[in-house]
C-alpha atoms as a PDB file:
ATOM      1  CA  MET A   1       0.000   0.000   0.000  1.00  0.00           C
ATOM      2  CA  THR A   2       1.529   3.295  -1.159  1.00  0.00           C
ATOM      3  CA  TYR A   3       0.401   6.869  -0.549  1.00  0.00           C
ATOM      4  CA  HIS A   4       1.476   9.845  -2.649  1.00  0.00           C
ATOM      5  CA  PHE A   5       2.994  13.168  -1.588  1.00  0.00           C
ATOM      6  CA  GLN A   6       3.130  16.351  -3.653  1.00  0.00           C
ATOM      7  CA  LEU A   7       6.513  18.012  -3.171  1.00  0.00           C
ATOM      8  CA  HIS A   8       7.053  21.768  -2.894  1.00  0.00           C
ATOM      9  CA  ARG A   9      10.291  23.725  -2.764  1.00  0.00           C
ATOM     10  CA  GLU A  10      10.299  26.821  -0.592  1.00  0.00           C
ATOM     11  CA  ASN A  11      12.891  29.016   1.146  1.00  0.00           C
ATOM     12  CA  GLY A  12      15.816  26.645   0.591  1.00  0.00           C
ATOM     13  CA  GLY A  13      13.916  23.614   1.877  1.00  0.00           C
ATOM     14  CA  TYR A  14      11.051  21.345   0.971  1.00  0.00           C
ATOM     15  CA  TRP A  15       7.581  20.517   2.191  1.00  0.00           C
ATOM     16  CA  ALA A  16       5.104  17.889   1.078  1.00  0.00           C
ATOM     17  CA  GLU A  17       1.433  17.093   1.445  1.00  0.00           C
ATOM     18  CA  CYS A  18      -0.226  13.722   1.087  1.00  0.00           C
ATOM     19  CA  CYS A  19      -2.605  13.668  -1.876  1.00  0.00           C
ATOM     20  CA  GLU A  20      -4.990  11.198  -0.249  1.00  0.00           C
ATOM     21  CA  LEU A  21      -4.915  12.250   3.424  1.00  0.00           C
ATOM     22  CA  ALA A  22      -6.017  15.809   4.213  1.00  0.00           C
ATOM     23  CA  GLY A  23      -3.778  17.441   6.795  1.00  0.00           C
ATOM     24  CA  CYS A  24      -0.895  14.998   6.395  1.00  0.00           C
ATOM     25  CA  VAL A  25       1.867  17.548   5.750  1.00  0.00           C
ATOM     26  CA  THR A  26       5.575  17.617   6.585  1.00  0.00           C
ATOM     27  CA  GLN A  27       8.854  19.348   5.735  1.00  0.00           C
ATOM     28  CA  GLY A  28      12.587  18.739   5.356  1.00  0.00           C
ATOM     29  CA  ASP A  29      15.791  20.637   4.591  1.00  0.00           C
ATOM     30  CA  THR A  30      16.848  18.173   1.880  1.00  0.00           C
ATOM     31  CA  LEU A  31      15.012  15.691  -0.314  1.00  0.00           C
ATOM     32  CA  ASP A  32      16.422  12.850   1.802  1.00  0.00           C
ATOM     33  CA  ASP A  33      15.150  14.548   4.968  1.00  0.00           C
ATOM     34  CA  LEU A  34      11.786  15.094   3.316  1.00  0.00           C
ATOM     35  CA  HIS A  35      11.471  11.446   2.308  1.00  0.00           C
ATOM     36  CA  GLY A  36      12.041  10.328   5.903  1.00  0.00           C
ATOM     37  CA  ALA A  37       9.668  12.996   7.205  1.00  0.00           C
ATOM     38  CA  CYS A  38       6.959  11.836   4.784  1.00  0.00           C
ATOM     39  CA  ARG A  39       7.326   8.266   6.004  1.00  0.00           C
ATOM     40  CA  GLU A  40       7.104   9.438   9.626  1.00  0.00           C
ATOM     41  CA  ALA A  41       4.096  11.722   8.953  1.00  0.00           C
ATOM     42  CA  LEU A  42       2.266   8.941   7.138  1.00  0.00           C
ATOM     43  CA  THR A  43       2.953   6.447   9.925  1.00  0.00           C
ATOM     44  CA  LEU A  44       1.749   8.868  12.608  1.00  0.00           C
ATOM     45  CA  TYR A  45      -1.342   9.795  10.602  1.00  0.00           C
ATOM     46  CA  LEU A  46      -2.366   6.185   9.995  1.00  0.00           C
ATOM     47  CA  ASP A  47      -1.587   5.200  13.580  1.00  0.00           C
ATOM     48  CA  GLU A  48      -4.357   7.479  14.875  1.00  0.00           C
ATOM     49  CA  PRO A  49      -7.130   5.484  16.558  1.00  0.00           C
ATOM     50  CA  SER A  50      -9.887   7.234  14.557  1.00  0.00           C
ATOM     51  CA  GLY A  51      -9.644   4.426  12.041  1.00  0.00           C
ATOM     52  CA  ALA A  52     -11.210   4.962   8.619  1.00  0.00           C
ATOM     53  CA  PHE A  53      -8.807   6.418   6.087  1.00  0.00           C
ATOM     54  CA  PRO A  54      -9.223   6.723   2.341  1.00  0.00           C
ATOM     55  CA  PRO A  55      -7.262   4.103   0.420  1.00  0.00           C
ATOM     56  CA  PRO A  56      -4.274   5.120  -1.688  1.00  0.00           C
ATOM     57  CA  ASN A  57      -5.157   6.315  -5.176  1.00  0.00           C
ATOM     58  CA  ALA A  58      -3.439   3.834  -7.520  1.00  0.00           C
ATOM     59  CA  ALA A  59      -4.102   6.161 -10.459  1.00  0.00           C
ATOM     60  CA  LEU A  60      -1.469   8.499  -9.004  1.00  0.00           C
ATOM     61  CA  ASP A  61       1.252   5.849  -9.435  1.00  0.00           C
ATOM     62  CA  ALA A  62       1.826   7.061 -13.002  1.00  0.00           C
ATOM     63  CA  ASP A  63       2.592  10.624 -11.844  1.00  0.00           C
ATOM     64  CA  HIS A  64       6.382  10.692 -11.592  1.00  0.00           C
ATOM     65  CA  SER A  65       6.385  14.109  -9.926  1.00  0.00           C
ATOM     66  CA  LEU A  66       4.894  12.615  -6.746  1.00  0.00           C
ATOM     67  CA  LEU A  67       6.861  11.009  -3.943  1.00  0.00           C
ATOM     68  CA  LYS A  68       5.525   7.525  -3.263  1.00  0.00           C
ATOM     69  CA  ILE A  69       5.645   6.368   0.360  1.00  0.00           C
ATOM     70  CA  ALA A  70       4.836   2.790   1.329  1.00  0.00           C
ATOM     71  CA  VAL A  71       2.870   2.148   4.510  1.00  0.00           C
ATOM     72  CA  GLU A  72       4.700   0.202   7.199  1.00  0.00           C
ATOM     73  CA  PRO A  73       3.572  -3.460   6.949  1.00  0.00           C
ATOM     74  CA  GLU A  74       2.077  -3.584  10.459  1.00  0.00           C
ATOM     75  CA  LEU A  75      -0.017  -0.475   9.739  1.00  0.00           C
ATOM     76  CA  ALA A  76      -1.056  -1.745   6.312  1.00  0.00           C
ATOM     77  CA  SER A  77      -2.570  -4.854   7.836  1.00  0.00           C
ATOM     78  CA  ALA A  78      -4.413  -2.781  10.453  1.00  0.00           C
ATOM     79  CA  THR A  79      -6.005  -0.297   8.010  1.00  0.00           C
END
């Protein structure tokens, strides 16, 4: 299961927002930092006890401008 993040460059750094999960936003100084921050933001978002989250949009897989972040296996089985 993979979610998609739209990347933005701003003020010498980066920020990203998840296309499927409203309010799942993060930032990083470098692209490597941003990738790790996206993984952490996604994990924290999906770990919330509220439960029902929209599934990833597989149609976005073809968009090469998006960062694709896989859900941790233990969270994927719980969602």
